[in-house]
């Protein structure tokens, strides 16, 4: 019987998390939709990509600046 209770708890937790993911996805979409009325969509997406790269690099801020300098040199 303990296994049944564990499975039921697992399913309950899983469904709760799935619901939270859906709410977060809707919130992100609304946030993006609101901002894209004020700013260029390509600029928003680029800013998001840069922020994600920075978060992955952590303390390697100088590394990020080097990458941006190289990319900036390649952009026409």
PDB file of N, CA and C in Angstrom:
ATOM      1  N   UNK A   1       0.798  -1.196   0.000  1.00  0.00           N
ATOM      2  CA  UNK A   1       0.000   0.000   0.000  1.00  0.00           C
ATOM      3  C   UNK A   1       0.846   1.268   0.000  1.00  0.00           C
ATOM      4  N   UNK A   2       2.015   1.203   0.562  1.00  0.00           N
ATOM      5  CA  UNK A   2       2.866   2.384   0.621  1.00  0.00           C
ATOM      6  C   UNK A   2       3.260   2.846  -0.774  1.00  0.00           C
ATOM      7  N   UNK A   3       3.453   1.885  -1.670  1.00  0.00           N
ATOM      8  CA  UNK A   3       3.838   2.229  -3.040  1.00  0.00           C
ATOM      9  C   UNK A   3       2.699   2.980  -3.715  1.00  0.00           C
ATOM     10  N   UNK A   4       1.477   2.547  -3.473  1.00  0.00           N
ATOM     11  CA  UNK A   4       0.312   3.208  -4.069  1.00  0.00           C
ATOM     12  C   UNK A   4       0.237   4.660  -3.598  1.00  0.00           C
ATOM     13  N   UNK A   5       0.442   4.894  -2.321  1.00  0.00           N
ATOM     14  CA  UNK A   5       0.405   6.250  -1.770  1.00  0.00           C
ATOM     15  C   UNK A   5       1.523   7.100  -2.358  1.00  0.00           C
ATOM     16  N   UNK A   6       2.710   6.511  -2.523  1.00  0.00           N
ATOM     17  CA  UNK A   6       3.825   7.239  -3.118  1.00  0.00           C
ATOM     18  C   UNK A   6       3.517   7.627  -4.557  1.00  0.00           C
ATOM     19  N   UNK A   7       2.928   6.710  -5.304  1.00  0.00           N
ATOM     20  CA  UNK A   7       2.590   6.988  -6.701  1.00  0.00           C
ATOM     21  C   UNK A   7       1.524   8.078  -6.776  1.00  0.00           C
ATOM     22  N   UNK A   8       0.529   7.991  -5.908  1.00  0.00           N
ATOM     23  CA  UNK A   8      -0.507   9.022  -5.894  1.00  0.00           C
ATOM     24  C   UNK A   8       0.084  10.388  -5.557  1.00  0.00           C
ATOM     25  N   UNK A   9       0.994  10.425  -4.597  1.00  0.00           N
ATOM     26  CA  UNK A   9       1.647  11.688  -4.235  1.00  0.00           C
ATOM     27  C   UNK A   9       2.495  12.205  -5.388  1.00  0.00           C
ATOM     28  N   UNK A  10       3.205  11.300  -6.044  1.00  0.00           N
ATOM     29  CA  UNK A  10       4.025  11.677  -7.197  1.00  0.00           C
ATOM     30  C   UNK A  10       3.163  12.300  -8.289  1.00  0.00           C
ATOM     31  N   UNK A  11       2.052  11.641  -8.623  1.00  0.00           N
ATOM     32  CA  UNK A  11       1.164  12.143  -9.674  1.00  0.00           C
ATOM     33  C   UNK A  11       0.590  13.500  -9.274  1.00  0.00           C
ATOM     34  N   UNK A  12       0.203  13.639  -8.035  1.00  0.00           N
ATOM     35  CA  UNK A  12      -0.332  14.913  -7.547  1.00  0.00           C
ATOM     36  C   UNK A  12       0.717  16.024  -7.677  1.00  0.00           C
ATOM     37  N   UNK A  13       1.936  15.751  -7.242  1.00  0.00           N
ATOM     38  CA  UNK A  13       3.018  16.733  -7.339  1.00  0.00           C
ATOM     39  C   UNK A  13       3.336  17.064  -8.792  1.00  0.00           C
ATOM     40  N   UNK A  14       3.361  16.037  -9.627  1.00  0.00           N
ATOM     41  CA  UNK A  14       3.660  16.230 -11.043  1.00  0.00           C
ATOM     42  C   UNK A  14       2.619  17.140 -11.692  1.00  0.00           C
ATOM     43  N   UNK A  15       1.364  16.866 -11.439  1.00  0.00           N
ATOM     44  CA  UNK A  15       0.292  17.675 -12.024  1.00  0.00           C
ATOM     45  C   UNK A  15       0.323  19.115 -11.501  1.00  0.00           C
ATOM     46  N   UNK A  16       0.659  19.279 -10.219  1.00  0.00           N
ATOM     47  CA  UNK A  16       0.782  20.627  -9.656  1.00  0.00           C
ATOM     48  C   UNK A  16       1.890  21.400 -10.349  1.00  0.00           C
ATOM     49  N   UNK A  17       3.031  20.748 -10.557  1.00  0.00           N
ATOM     50  CA  UNK A  17       4.163  21.403 -11.214  1.00  0.00           C
ATOM     51  C   UNK A  17       3.831  21.719 -12.671  1.00  0.00           C
ATOM     52  N   UNK A  18       3.157  20.803 -13.348  1.00  0.00           N
ATOM     53  CA  UNK A  18       2.728  21.059 -14.731  1.00  0.00           C
ATOM     54  C   UNK A  18       1.815  22.282 -14.789  1.00  0.00           C
ATOM     55  N   UNK A  19       0.908  22.406 -13.833  1.00  0.00           N
ATOM     56  CA  UNK A  19       0.026  23.571 -13.775  1.00  0.00           C
ATOM     57  C   UNK A  19       0.806  24.855 -13.550  1.00  0.00           C
ATOM     58  N   UNK A  20       1.803  24.799 -12.673  1.00  0.00           N
ATOM     59  CA  UNK A  20       2.646  25.965 -12.415  1.00  0.00           C
ATOM     60  C   UNK A  20       3.435  26.345 -13.658  1.00  0.00           C
ATOM     61  N   UNK A  21       3.933  25.337 -14.380  1.00  0.00           N
ATOM     62  CA  UNK A  21       4.667  25.614 -15.620  1.00  0.00           C
ATOM     63  C   UNK A  21       3.766  26.330 -16.624  1.00  0.00           C
ATOM     64  N   UNK A  22       2.528  25.884 -16.738  1.00  0.00           N
ATOM     65  CA  UNK A  22       1.581  26.504 -17.661  1.00  0.00           C
ATOM     66  C   UNK A  22       1.320  27.953 -17.279  1.00  0.00           C
ATOM     67  N   UNK A  23       1.130  28.199 -15.978  1.00  0.00           N
ATOM     68  CA  UNK A  23       0.909  29.567 -15.517  1.00  0.00           C
ATOM     69  C   UNK A  23       2.117  30.452 -15.807  1.00  0.00           C
ATOM     70  N   UNK A  24       3.313  29.917 -15.587  1.00  0.00           N
ATOM     71  CA  UNK A  24       4.526  30.682 -15.868  1.00  0.00           C
ATOM     72  C   UNK A  24       4.674  30.966 -17.357  1.00  0.00           C
ATOM     73  N   UNK A  25       4.346  29.989 -18.194  1.00  0.00           N
ATOM     74  CA  UNK A  25       4.426  30.189 -19.640  1.00  0.00           C
ATOM     75  C   UNK A  25       3.466  31.290 -20.078  1.00  0.00           C
ATOM     76  N   UNK A  26       2.268  31.300 -19.522  1.00  0.00           N
ATOM     77  CA  UNK A  26       1.290  32.340 -19.849  1.00  0.00           C
ATOM     78  C   UNK A  26       1.772  33.706 -19.370  1.00  0.00           C
ATOM     79  N   UNK A  27       2.390  33.731 -18.199  1.00  0.00           N
ATOM     80  CA  UNK A  27       2.913  34.986 -17.654  1.00  0.00           C
ATOM     81  C   UNK A  27       4.056  35.525 -18.515  1.00  0.00           C
ATOM     82  N   UNK A  28       4.953  34.631 -18.943  1.00  0.00           N
ATOM     83  CA  UNK A  28       6.045  35.049 -19.828  1.00  0.00           C
ATOM     84  C   UNK A  28       5.514  35.587 -21.147  1.00  0.00           C
ATOM     85  N   UNK A  29       4.524  34.934 -21.703  1.00  0.00           N
ATOM     86  CA  UNK A  29       3.941  35.384 -22.967  1.00  0.00           C
ATOM     87  C   UNK A  29       3.335  36.769 -22.810  1.00  0.00           C
ATOM     88  N   UNK A  30       2.593  36.989 -21.740  1.00  0.00           N
ATOM     89  CA  UNK A  30       1.986  38.299 -21.499  1.00  0.00           C
ATOM     90  C   UNK A  30       3.057  39.367 -21.318  1.00  0.00           C
ATOM     91  N   UNK A  31       4.109  39.044 -20.597  1.00  0.00           N
ATOM     92  CA  UNK A  31       5.214  39.978 -20.389  1.00  0.00           C
ATOM     93  C   UNK A  31       5.867  40.345 -21.716  1.00  0.00           C
ATOM     94  N   UNK A  32       6.136  39.332 -22.528  1.00  0.00           N
ATOM     95  CA  UNK A  32       6.763  39.545 -23.825  1.00  0.00           C
ATOM     96  C   UNK A  32       5.843  40.352 -24.741  1.00  0.00           C
ATOM     97  N   UNK A  33       4.561  40.000 -24.777  1.00  0.00           N
ATOM     98  CA  UNK A  33       3.603  40.713 -25.624  1.00  0.00           C
ATOM     99  C   UNK A  33       3.506  42.179 -25.241  1.00  0.00           C
ATOM    100  N   UNK A  34       3.505  42.457 -23.946  1.00  0.00           N
ATOM    101  CA  UNK A  34       3.435  43.836 -23.480  1.00  0.00           C
ATOM    102  C   UNK A  34       4.673  44.621 -23.913  1.00  0.00           C
ATOM    103  N   UNK A  35       5.837  44.000 -23.798  1.00  0.00           N
ATOM    104  CA  UNK A  35       7.079  44.701 -24.112  1.00  0.00           C
ATOM    105  C   UNK A  35       7.286  44.854 -25.618  1.00  0.00           C
ATOM    106  N   UNK A  36       6.817  43.888 -26.391  1.00  0.00           N
ATOM    107  CA  UNK A  36       7.068  43.975 -27.831  1.00  0.00           C
ATOM    108  C   UNK A  36       6.247  45.082 -28.490  1.00  0.00           C
ATOM    109  N   UNK A  37       5.235  45.598 -27.782  1.00  0.00           N
ATOM    110  CA  UNK A  37       4.506  46.762 -28.284  1.00  0.00           C
ATOM    111  C   UNK A  37       5.350  48.028 -28.153  1.00  0.00           C
ATOM    112  N   UNK A  38       6.335  48.003 -27.258  1.00  0.00           N
ATOM    113  CA  UNK A  38       7.152  49.176 -26.971  1.00  0.00           C
ATOM    114  C   UNK A  38       8.533  49.119 -27.610  1.00  0.00           C
ATOM    115  N   UNK A  39       9.009  47.925 -27.970  1.00  0.00           N
ATOM    116  CA  UNK A  39      10.384  47.722 -28.419  1.00  0.00           C
ATOM    117  C   UNK A  39      10.418  46.751 -29.592  1.00  0.00           C
ATOM    118  N   UNK A  40      11.491  46.819 -30.355  1.00  0.00           N
ATOM    119  CA  UNK A  40      11.700  45.904 -31.475  1.00  0.00           C
ATOM    120  C   UNK A  40      11.844  44.468 -30.963  1.00  0.00           C
ATOM    121  N   UNK A  41      11.154  43.525 -31.603  1.00  0.00           N
ATOM    122  CA  UNK A  41      11.168  42.126 -31.183  1.00  0.00           C
ATOM    123  C   UNK A  41      12.578  41.541 -31.266  1.00  0.00           C
ATOM    124  N   UNK A  42      13.308  41.853 -32.316  1.00  0.00           N
ATOM    125  CA  UNK A  42      14.674  41.326 -32.459  1.00  0.00           C
ATOM    126  C   UNK A  42      15.563  41.814 -31.319  1.00  0.00           C
ATOM    127  N   UNK A  43      15.380  43.051 -30.909  1.00  0.00           N
ATOM    128  CA  UNK A  43      16.179  43.593 -29.806  1.00  0.00           C
ATOM    129  C   UNK A  43      15.842  42.878 -28.500  1.00  0.00           C
ATOM    130  N   UNK A  44      14.563  42.594 -28.292  1.00  0.00           N
ATOM    131  CA  UNK A  44      14.160  41.868 -27.085  1.00  0.00           C
ATOM    132  C   UNK A  44      14.789  40.482 -27.047  1.00  0.00           C
ATOM    133  N   UNK A  45      14.713  39.774 -28.169  1.00  0.00           N
ATOM    134  CA  UNK A  45      15.268  38.421 -28.224  1.00  0.00           C
ATOM    135  C   UNK A  45      16.777  38.441 -28.034  1.00  0.00           C
ATOM    136  N   UNK A  46      17.451  39.432 -28.604  1.00  0.00           N
ATOM    137  CA  UNK A  46      18.897  39.550 -28.430  1.00  0.00           C
ATOM    138  C   UNK A  46      19.236  39.829 -26.969  1.00  0.00           C
ATOM    139  N   UNK A  47      18.466  40.687 -26.331  1.00  0.00           N
ATOM    140  CA  UNK A  47      18.710  41.000 -24.917  1.00  0.00           C
ATOM    141  C   UNK A  47      18.529  39.759 -24.052  1.00  0.00           C
ATOM    142  N   UNK A  48      17.519  38.954 -24.367  1.00  0.00           N
ATOM    143  CA  UNK A  48      17.289  37.717 -23.617  1.00  0.00           C
ATOM    144  C   UNK A  48      18.449  36.748 -23.813  1.00  0.00           C
ATOM    145  N   UNK A  49      18.911  36.602 -25.064  1.00  0.00           N
ATOM    146  CA  UNK A  49      20.041  35.705 -25.332  1.00  0.00           C
ATOM    147  C   UNK A  49      21.284  36.155 -24.586  1.00  0.00           C
ATOM    148  N   UNK A  50      21.565  37.447 -24.606  1.00  0.00           N
ATOM    149  CA  UNK A  50      22.738  37.976 -23.916  1.00  0.00           C
ATOM    150  C   UNK A  50      22.625  37.731 -22.408  1.00  0.00           C
ATOM    151  N   UNK A  51      21.454  37.956 -21.857  1.00  0.00           N
ATOM    152  CA  UNK A  51      21.264  37.728 -20.418  1.00  0.00           C
ATOM    153  C   UNK A  51      21.471  36.264 -20.063  1.00  0.00           C
ATOM    154  N   UNK A  52      20.997  35.353 -20.911  1.00  0.00           N
ATOM    155  CA  UNK A  52      21.192  33.923 -20.656  1.00  0.00           C
ATOM    156  C   UNK A  52      22.670  33.552 -20.726  1.00  0.00           C
ATOM    157  N   UNK A  53      23.381  34.101 -21.688  1.00  0.00           N
ATOM    158  CA  UNK A  53      24.817  33.829 -21.809  1.00  0.00           C
ATOM    159  C   UNK A  53      25.540  34.344 -20.576  1.00  0.00           C
ATOM    160  N   UNK A  54      25.196  35.560 -20.152  1.00  0.00           N
ATOM    161  CA  UNK A  54      25.834  36.133 -18.959  1.00  0.00           C
ATOM    162  C   UNK A  54      25.580  35.282 -17.730  1.00  0.00           C
ATOM    163  N   UNK A  55      24.373  34.754 -17.597  1.00  0.00           N
ATOM    164  CA  UNK A  55      24.075  33.941 -16.413  1.00  0.00           C
ATOM    165  C   UNK A  55      24.849  32.631 -16.437  1.00  0.00           C
ATOM    166  N   UNK A  56      25.106  32.083 -17.632  1.00  0.00           N
ATOM    167  CA  UNK A  56      25.902  30.859 -17.734  1.00  0.00           C
ATOM    168  C   UNK A  56      27.368  31.118 -17.443  1.00  0.00           C
ATOM    169  N   UNK A  57      27.845  32.292 -17.819  1.00  0.00           N
ATOM    170  CA  UNK A  57      29.253  32.606 -17.602  1.00  0.00           C
ATOM    171  C   UNK A  57      29.550  32.943 -16.149  1.00  0.00           C
ATOM    172  N   UNK A  58      28.565  33.423 -15.440  1.00  0.00           N
ATOM    173  CA  UNK A  58      28.766  33.760 -14.040  1.00  0.00           C
ATOM    174  C   UNK A  58      29.742  34.895 -13.867  1.00  0.00           C
ATOM    175  N   UNK A  59      30.851  34.629 -13.197  1.00  0.00           N
ATOM    176  CA  UNK A  59      31.828  35.666 -12.889  1.00  0.00           C
ATOM    177  C   UNK A  59      32.742  35.995 -14.061  1.00  0.00           C
ATOM    178  N   UNK A  60      32.600  35.307 -15.148  1.00  0.00           N
ATOM    179  CA  UNK A  60      33.480  35.526 -16.295  1.00  0.00           C
ATOM    180  C   UNK A  60      32.976  36.686 -17.150  1.00  0.00           C
ATOM    181  N   UNK A  61      32.757  37.833 -16.513  1.00  0.00           N
ATOM    182  CA  UNK A  61      32.220  39.016 -17.202  1.00  0.00           C
ATOM    183  C   UNK A  61      33.160  39.497 -18.295  1.00  0.00           C
ATOM    184  N   UNK A  62      34.466  39.423 -18.041  1.00  0.00           N
ATOM    185  CA  UNK A  62      35.418  39.864 -19.064  1.00  0.00           C
ATOM    186  C   UNK A  62      35.347  38.960 -20.285  1.00  0.00           C
ATOM    187  N   UNK A  63      35.066  37.690 -20.061  1.00  0.00           N
ATOM    188  CA  UNK A  63      34.886  36.746 -21.176  1.00  0.00           C
ATOM    189  C   UNK A  63      33.687  37.171 -22.023  1.00  0.00           C
ATOM    190  N   UNK A  64      32.629  37.584 -21.374  1.00  0.00           N
ATOM    191  CA  UNK A  64      31.432  38.039 -22.075  1.00  0.00           C
ATOM    192  C   UNK A  64      31.740  39.284 -22.884  1.00  0.00           C
ATOM    193  N   UNK A  65      32.485  40.202 -22.317  1.00  0.00           N
ATOM    194  CA  UNK A  65      32.833  41.422 -23.037  1.00  0.00           C
ATOM    195  C   UNK A  65      33.673  41.092 -24.277  1.00  0.00           C
ATOM    196  N   UNK A  66      34.573  40.109 -24.173  1.00  0.00           N
ATOM    197  CA  UNK A  66      35.366  39.689 -25.330  1.00  0.00           C
ATOM    198  C   UNK A  66      34.474  39.095 -26.418  1.00  0.00           C
ATOM    199  N   UNK A  67      33.520  38.258 -26.015  1.00  0.00           N
ATOM    200  CA  UNK A  67      32.602  37.654 -26.979  1.00  0.00           C
ATOM    201  C   UNK A  67      31.789  38.742 -27.674  1.00  0.00           C
ATOM    202  N   UNK A  68      31.263  39.686 -26.910  1.00  0.00           N
ATOM    203  CA  UNK A  68      30.472  40.768 -27.497  1.00  0.00           C
ATOM    204  C   UNK A  68      31.301  41.623 -28.444  1.00  0.00           C
ATOM    205  N   UNK A  69      32.566  41.846 -28.106  1.00  0.00           N
ATOM    206  CA  UNK A  69      33.435  42.629 -28.982  1.00  0.00           C
ATOM    207  C   UNK A  69      33.659  41.914 -30.305  1.00  0.00           C
ATOM    208  N   UNK A  70      33.867  40.619 -30.248  1.00  0.00           N
ATOM    209  CA  UNK A  70      34.053  39.828 -31.476  1.00  0.00           C
ATOM    210  C   UNK A  70      32.786  39.849 -32.308  1.00  0.00           C
ATOM    211  N   UNK A  71      31.642  39.634 -31.680  1.00  0.00           N
ATOM    212  CA  UNK A  71      30.366  39.632 -32.390  1.00  0.00           C
ATOM    213  C   UNK A  71      30.088  41.018 -32.975  1.00  0.00           C
ATOM    214  N   UNK A  72      30.358  42.056 -32.205  1.00  0.00           N
ATOM    215  CA  UNK A  72      30.130  43.411 -32.672  1.00  0.00           C
ATOM    216  C   UNK A  72      30.979  43.715 -33.901  1.00  0.00           C
ATOM    217  N   UNK A  73      32.189  43.173 -33.942  1.00  0.00           N
ATOM    218  CA  UNK A  73      33.051  43.354 -35.098  1.00  0.00           C
ATOM    219  C   UNK A  73      32.558  42.643 -36.334  1.00  0.00           C
ATOM    220  N   UNK A  74      31.764  41.595 -36.151  1.00  0.00           N
ATOM    221  CA  UNK A  74      31.252  40.801 -37.281  1.00  0.00           C
ATOM    222  C   UNK A  74      29.921  41.335 -37.821  1.00  0.00           C
ATOM    223  N   UNK A  75      29.215  42.105 -36.993  1.00  0.00           N
ATOM    224  CA  UNK A  75      27.899  42.596 -37.394  1.00  0.00           C
ATOM    225  C   UNK A  75      28.073  43.753 -38.359  1.00  0.00           C
ATOM    226  N   UNK A  76      27.307  43.700 -39.420  1.00  0.00           N
ATOM    227  CA  UNK A  76      27.409  44.753 -40.447  1.00  0.00           C
ATOM    228  C   UNK A  76      26.545  45.923 -40.079  1.00  0.00           C
TER     229      UNK A  76
END
